[in-house]
Protein backbone atom coordinates (compact mmCIF):
# COMPACT_ATOMS: atom_id res chain seq x y z
CA MET A 1 62.59 -17.51 11.63
CA ALA A 2 59.64 -20.03 10.39
CA ALA A 3 58.36 -20.61 14.44
CA GLY A 4 58.22 -16.81 14.64
CA SER A 5 56.49 -16.04 11.76
CA ARG A 6 53.61 -18.45 13.06
CA ASP A 7 53.55 -16.86 16.33
CA ALA A 8 53.73 -13.27 14.85
CA GLN A 9 50.45 -14.34 12.83
CA GLY A 10 48.86 -16.41 15.62
CA GLY A 11 49.35 -19.64 14.21
CA ASP A 12 50.47 -21.02 17.82
CA ASP A 13 48.02 -19.23 19.60
CA PRO A 14 45.18 -20.68 21.33
CA ALA A 15 43.66 -17.78 22.04
CA GLN A 16 43.87 -16.24 18.68
CA ARG A 17 42.94 -19.30 17.12
CA GLU A 18 39.92 -19.53 19.31
CA ARG A 19 38.68 -16.10 18.50
CA ALA A 20 39.54 -16.88 14.48
CA GLN A 21 37.14 -19.87 15.46
CA ARG A 22 34.46 -17.67 16.95
CA MET A 23 34.25 -14.90 13.97
CA ALA A 24 34.03 -17.86 11.59
CA ALA A 25 31.33 -19.35 13.09
CA THR A 26 29.62 -16.53 14.15
CA PRO A 27 26.70 -15.80 11.08
CA PRO A 28 26.43 -12.61 8.86
CA PRO A 29 24.16 -10.26 10.30
CA PRO A 30 20.39 -10.21 8.47
CA GLY A 31 20.32 -8.23 5.25
CA SER A 32 24.00 -8.37 4.78
CA PRO A 33 25.44 -9.01 1.53
CA ALA A 34 27.00 -12.34 3.01
CA TRP A 35 23.69 -12.91 4.48
CA TRP A 36 21.96 -12.71 1.53
CA ALA A 37 24.45 -14.39 -0.50
CA ALA A 38 23.25 -17.73 1.42
CA ARG A 39 19.72 -16.95 1.56
CA PRO A 40 17.21 -18.05 -0.98
CA ASP A 41 14.83 -15.84 -3.08
CA PRO A 42 11.79 -16.43 -0.17
CA THR A 43 9.17 -15.99 -3.31
CA ALA A 44 10.79 -19.80 -4.93
CA PRO A 45 9.51 -22.53 -3.97
CA ALA A 46 12.90 -24.24 -2.88
CA ALA A 47 12.55 -21.80 0.06
CA ALA A 48 10.00 -23.91 1.33
CA ALA A 49 10.98 -25.72 4.76
CA GLU A 50 10.99 -29.78 4.71
CA PRO A 51 7.97 -30.91 6.57
CA ARG A 52 7.96 -31.23 9.76
CA ARG A 53 5.79 -32.63 12.56
CA GLY A 54 3.56 -29.75 14.17
CA ARG A 55 1.17 -27.01 12.45
CA PRO A 56 1.59 -26.97 8.81
CA SER A 57 4.60 -25.20 7.26
CA LEU A 58 3.52 -21.25 5.58
CA ASP A 59 4.56 -20.08 2.04
CA THR A 60 7.32 -18.00 2.70
CA ALA A 61 6.00 -15.25 0.41
CA HIS A 62 2.36 -14.90 2.53
CA ILE A 63 4.60 -14.64 5.73
CA VAL A 64 6.42 -11.60 4.21
CA GLY A 65 3.25 -9.80 2.72
CA THR A 66 1.84 -10.19 6.13
CA ALA A 67 4.46 -9.05 7.64
CA LEU A 68 4.61 -6.19 5.32
CA ARG A 69 1.31 -4.69 6.10
CA LEU A 70 1.62 -5.60 9.45
CA VAL A 71 4.29 -2.88 9.27
CA ASP A 72 2.41 -0.66 7.60
CA GLU A 73 -0.10 -0.71 10.46
CA HIS A 74 1.94 -0.89 13.28
CA GLY A 75 5.30 0.57 12.39
CA THR A 76 8.41 -1.62 12.96
CA GLN A 77 8.81 -0.70 16.66
CA ALA A 78 5.37 -2.69 17.42
CA PHE A 79 5.78 -5.56 15.09
CA SER A 80 6.52 -8.66 16.80
CA LEU A 81 7.23 -12.40 15.60
CA ARG A 82 3.85 -12.83 18.22
CA MET A 83 2.04 -10.60 15.96
CA LEU A 84 2.81 -12.06 13.11
CA ALA A 85 1.78 -15.46 13.88
CA GLU A 86 -1.54 -14.54 14.92
CA ALA A 87 -1.99 -12.46 11.76
CA LEU A 88 -1.43 -15.84 9.82
CA ASN A 89 -3.15 -17.87 12.07
CA SER A 90 -0.24 -19.85 13.12
CA GLY A 91 2.24 -20.09 15.95
CA THR A 92 5.62 -18.31 16.38
CA ALA A 93 7.54 -22.12 16.49
CA THR A 94 6.12 -22.78 12.78
CA LEU A 95 7.37 -18.93 11.61
CA TYR A 96 10.72 -20.43 13.14
CA ARG A 97 10.89 -23.10 10.07
CA HIS A 98 11.28 -20.74 7.53
CA PHE A 99 13.35 -17.34 9.80
CA ASP A 100 15.91 -17.19 12.65
CA GLY A 101 13.82 -14.58 13.73
CA LYS A 102 12.42 -11.17 13.62
CA ASP A 103 15.87 -9.11 11.89
CA GLU A 104 15.46 -11.74 8.66
CA ILE A 105 11.93 -10.98 8.08
CA MET A 106 12.56 -7.24 7.92
CA ALA A 107 15.56 -7.54 5.57
CA TYR A 108 12.84 -9.50 3.40
CA VAL A 109 9.97 -7.02 4.12
CA VAL A 110 12.65 -4.44 2.96
CA ASP A 111 13.50 -6.48 -0.26
CA ARG A 112 9.28 -6.80 -0.59
CA VAL A 113 9.09 -3.55 -0.79
CA LEU A 114 11.99 -2.88 -3.44
CA GLY A 115 10.03 -5.73 -5.30
CA GLU A 116 7.27 -3.08 -5.34
CA VAL A 117 9.37 -0.34 -7.58
CA ASN A 118 7.27 0.22 -10.74
CA LEU A 119 9.66 1.12 -13.44
CA GLY A 120 8.48 -0.25 -16.78
CA ALA A 121 8.96 3.25 -18.38
CA LEU A 122 12.25 2.72 -18.27
CA THR A 123 12.20 0.65 -21.59
CA THR A 124 10.53 3.64 -23.71
CA SER A 125 12.84 6.43 -21.61
CA SER A 126 14.05 8.21 -24.55
CA ASP A 127 17.48 9.28 -22.55
CA TRP A 128 19.38 8.38 -19.04
CA ARG A 129 17.74 11.95 -17.19
CA GLU A 130 14.43 10.11 -18.36
CA ALA A 131 15.74 6.94 -17.12
CA LEU A 132 16.51 8.62 -13.70
CA THR A 133 13.15 10.51 -13.48
CA VAL A 134 10.99 7.58 -14.42
CA THR A 135 13.54 5.61 -11.37
CA ALA A 136 12.94 8.19 -8.78
CA HIS A 137 9.02 8.87 -9.34
CA GLY A 138 8.67 4.41 -9.02
CA PHE A 139 10.81 4.53 -6.22
CA HIS A 140 9.04 7.17 -4.38
CA ASP A 141 5.96 5.93 -5.08
CA ALA A 142 6.73 3.02 -3.69
CA LEU A 143 8.23 4.25 -0.39
CA ARG A 144 4.77 6.43 0.21
CA ARG A 145 2.93 3.34 0.20
CA HIS A 146 4.68 1.70 3.05
CA PRO A 147 6.37 4.89 5.05
CA ASN A 148 7.12 2.77 7.44
CA SER A 149 9.53 0.73 5.86
CA LEU A 150 11.82 3.66 5.22
CA PRO A 151 13.61 2.98 9.04
CA LEU A 152 14.40 -0.26 7.71
CA LEU A 153 15.51 0.50 3.90
CA MET A 154 18.00 2.78 5.70
CA ALA A 155 19.37 0.06 8.65
CA TYR A 156 19.77 -2.25 5.42
CA VAL A 157 21.56 -2.97 2.31
CA PRO A 158 19.03 -3.40 -0.11
CA VAL A 159 21.37 -6.16 -2.31
CA GLY A 160 17.97 -8.87 -1.70
CA PRO A 161 16.73 -10.65 -5.21
CA HIS A 162 14.28 -7.64 -5.72
CA GLY A 163 16.95 -4.84 -4.55
CA LEU A 164 19.62 -6.55 -6.92
CA ALA A 165 17.08 -6.73 -9.83
CA GLN A 166 16.07 -3.09 -9.90
CA ARG A 167 19.31 -2.08 -9.75
CA GLU A 168 20.45 -3.95 -12.34
CA ARG A 169 17.59 -2.60 -14.31
CA VAL A 170 18.42 0.93 -13.08
CA LEU A 171 21.66 0.56 -14.41
CA ALA A 172 21.86 -0.95 -17.39
CA ALA A 173 18.97 1.27 -19.14
CA LEU A 174 21.76 4.23 -18.09
CA LEU A 175 24.81 2.43 -19.83
CA GLU A 176 22.47 2.22 -22.77
CA HIS A 177 21.68 6.06 -23.13
CA GLY A 178 25.67 6.59 -23.00
CA LEU A 179 26.83 7.15 -19.18
CA PRO A 180 30.31 5.75 -18.54
CA ALA A 181 30.08 3.26 -15.78
CA ALA A 182 31.18 5.28 -13.05
CA LEU A 183 28.85 8.32 -13.70
CA ALA A 184 25.82 5.66 -13.79
CA ALA A 185 26.51 4.27 -10.22
CA ARG A 186 27.25 7.85 -9.19
CA ALA A 187 23.64 9.29 -10.60
CA PHE A 188 21.67 6.07 -9.24
CA THR A 189 23.19 6.66 -5.95
CA ALA A 190 22.48 10.26 -5.59
CA VAL A 191 18.77 10.13 -7.11
CA ALA A 192 18.23 7.02 -4.72
CA HIS A 193 19.88 8.81 -1.60
CA TYR A 194 17.70 11.86 -2.16
CA VAL A 195 14.22 9.81 -2.63
CA VAL A 196 14.99 8.29 0.62
CA GLY A 197 15.82 11.59 2.43
CA PHE A 198 13.27 13.33 1.13
CA THR A 199 10.50 10.68 1.82
CA ALA A 200 11.37 9.80 4.88
CA GLN A 201 11.41 13.50 6.08
CA GLN A 202 8.15 14.04 4.69
CA TYR A 203 6.17 10.84 5.00
CA GLY A 204 8.01 8.75 7.45
CA PRO A 205 7.21 7.33 10.69
CA ALA A 206 9.29 10.65 12.33
CA ALA A 207 7.88 12.75 9.70
CA ALA A 208 6.64 16.16 11.48
CA PRO A 209 2.90 17.26 10.99
CA ASP A 210 2.21 20.22 8.33
CA HIS A 211 2.33 23.09 10.22
CA SER A 212 2.85 25.45 7.30
CA THR A 213 0.32 27.69 8.26
CA GLU A 214 1.74 28.49 11.71
CA VAL A 215 5.28 28.89 10.16
CA ALA A 216 3.83 31.39 7.71
CA ALA A 217 2.32 33.28 10.39
CA PHE A 218 5.55 33.00 12.33
CA TYR A 219 7.65 34.40 9.75
CA GLY A 220 5.03 37.25 9.38
CA GLY A 221 5.44 38.22 13.26
CA LEU A 222 9.07 38.80 12.90
CA ASP A 223 11.35 41.61 12.72
CA PRO A 224 11.45 43.33 9.21
CA GLU A 225 14.54 44.84 10.42
CA SER A 226 16.77 41.66 11.47
CA TYR A 227 15.18 39.24 8.80
CA PRO A 228 14.17 40.86 5.76
CA ALA A 229 15.33 37.81 3.62
CA LEU A 230 13.34 35.59 5.32
CA LEU A 231 10.25 37.64 5.22
CA GLN A 232 10.97 38.50 1.56
CA ALA A 233 10.84 34.53 0.90
CA ALA A 234 8.45 33.55 3.68
CA ARG A 235 5.48 32.85 1.23
CA SER A 236 7.62 30.47 -0.98
CA LEU A 237 9.01 28.76 1.92
CA THR A 238 5.79 28.19 3.60
CA SER A 239 3.18 27.61 0.44
CA VAL A 240 5.08 25.45 -1.84
CA ALA A 241 3.31 21.60 -2.19
CA VAL A 242 5.52 18.55 -1.20
CA ASP A 243 5.25 16.62 -4.77
CA GLU A 244 6.45 19.96 -6.43
CA GLU A 245 8.96 20.28 -3.75
CA PHE A 246 9.92 17.03 -4.93
CA GLU A 247 10.06 17.47 -8.45
CA PHE A 248 12.23 20.72 -8.22
CA GLY A 249 14.61 19.12 -6.14
CA LEU A 250 14.62 15.89 -8.58
CA THR A 251 14.94 18.56 -11.89
CA LEU A 252 17.86 20.15 -10.07
CA LEU A 253 19.48 16.21 -8.90
CA VAL A 254 19.42 15.31 -12.88
CA ARG A 255 20.06 18.70 -14.51
CA GLY A 256 23.68 18.88 -12.03
CA LEU A 257 24.47 15.38 -13.54
CA ALA A 258 23.91 16.72 -17.05
CA HIS A 259 27.18 18.72 -16.67
CA LEU A 260 29.36 15.72 -15.77
CA ALA A 261 27.84 13.65 -18.86
CA PRO A 262 30.15 13.05 -21.80
């Protein structure tokens, strides 16, 4: 029975042992929780590489800041390690002293953007509704400054040092204002998803140009017998400013959450 148990668990199967060893040796993907758990804060002195022969080492915070600037200017698809090295007046070999590749740098870029979210007004928020609204506006403003980072934000888990710090601040404020932990977590997630989705649609790399005037004219030419409701609402569908639309959706979301609060 003991031998049979080992065989069933793969303990004596060389092929299964080899697969298990390969899985254990495979590093976690950059930006994943397991990857972040083993990585230092890029802005901390401990993150600096050991001195080596060749070109001088670079400050990791400077590398990440330059990478973010290049993503802002050229987008993630055009960004490359060669482009980054040239902007730093360095070489790609120097970059590999700090990062294993582009994906790792992009994970730090996402966290850098999250570090720019201004949540200072949380300390003076009067209730959890205001705290959520402050969070949404701070997040929205940061993403609007870096619209090309939006695909990265949707691809990476935001659990780097800045992402964790921001999440801790928001959740602490919601809890202090009386929201139960489960509702605070769901409220934070709902607002974050709303902000990312709205900002990506309106300002991200794949955002469509403003065709409101053209669409309004198109609606005006529709058959009123076939589309009476659409024609009645056409003006509001095409004339509301983007900022007003964002505020309207956020207000609906926060007011809806109020029905679940104790």
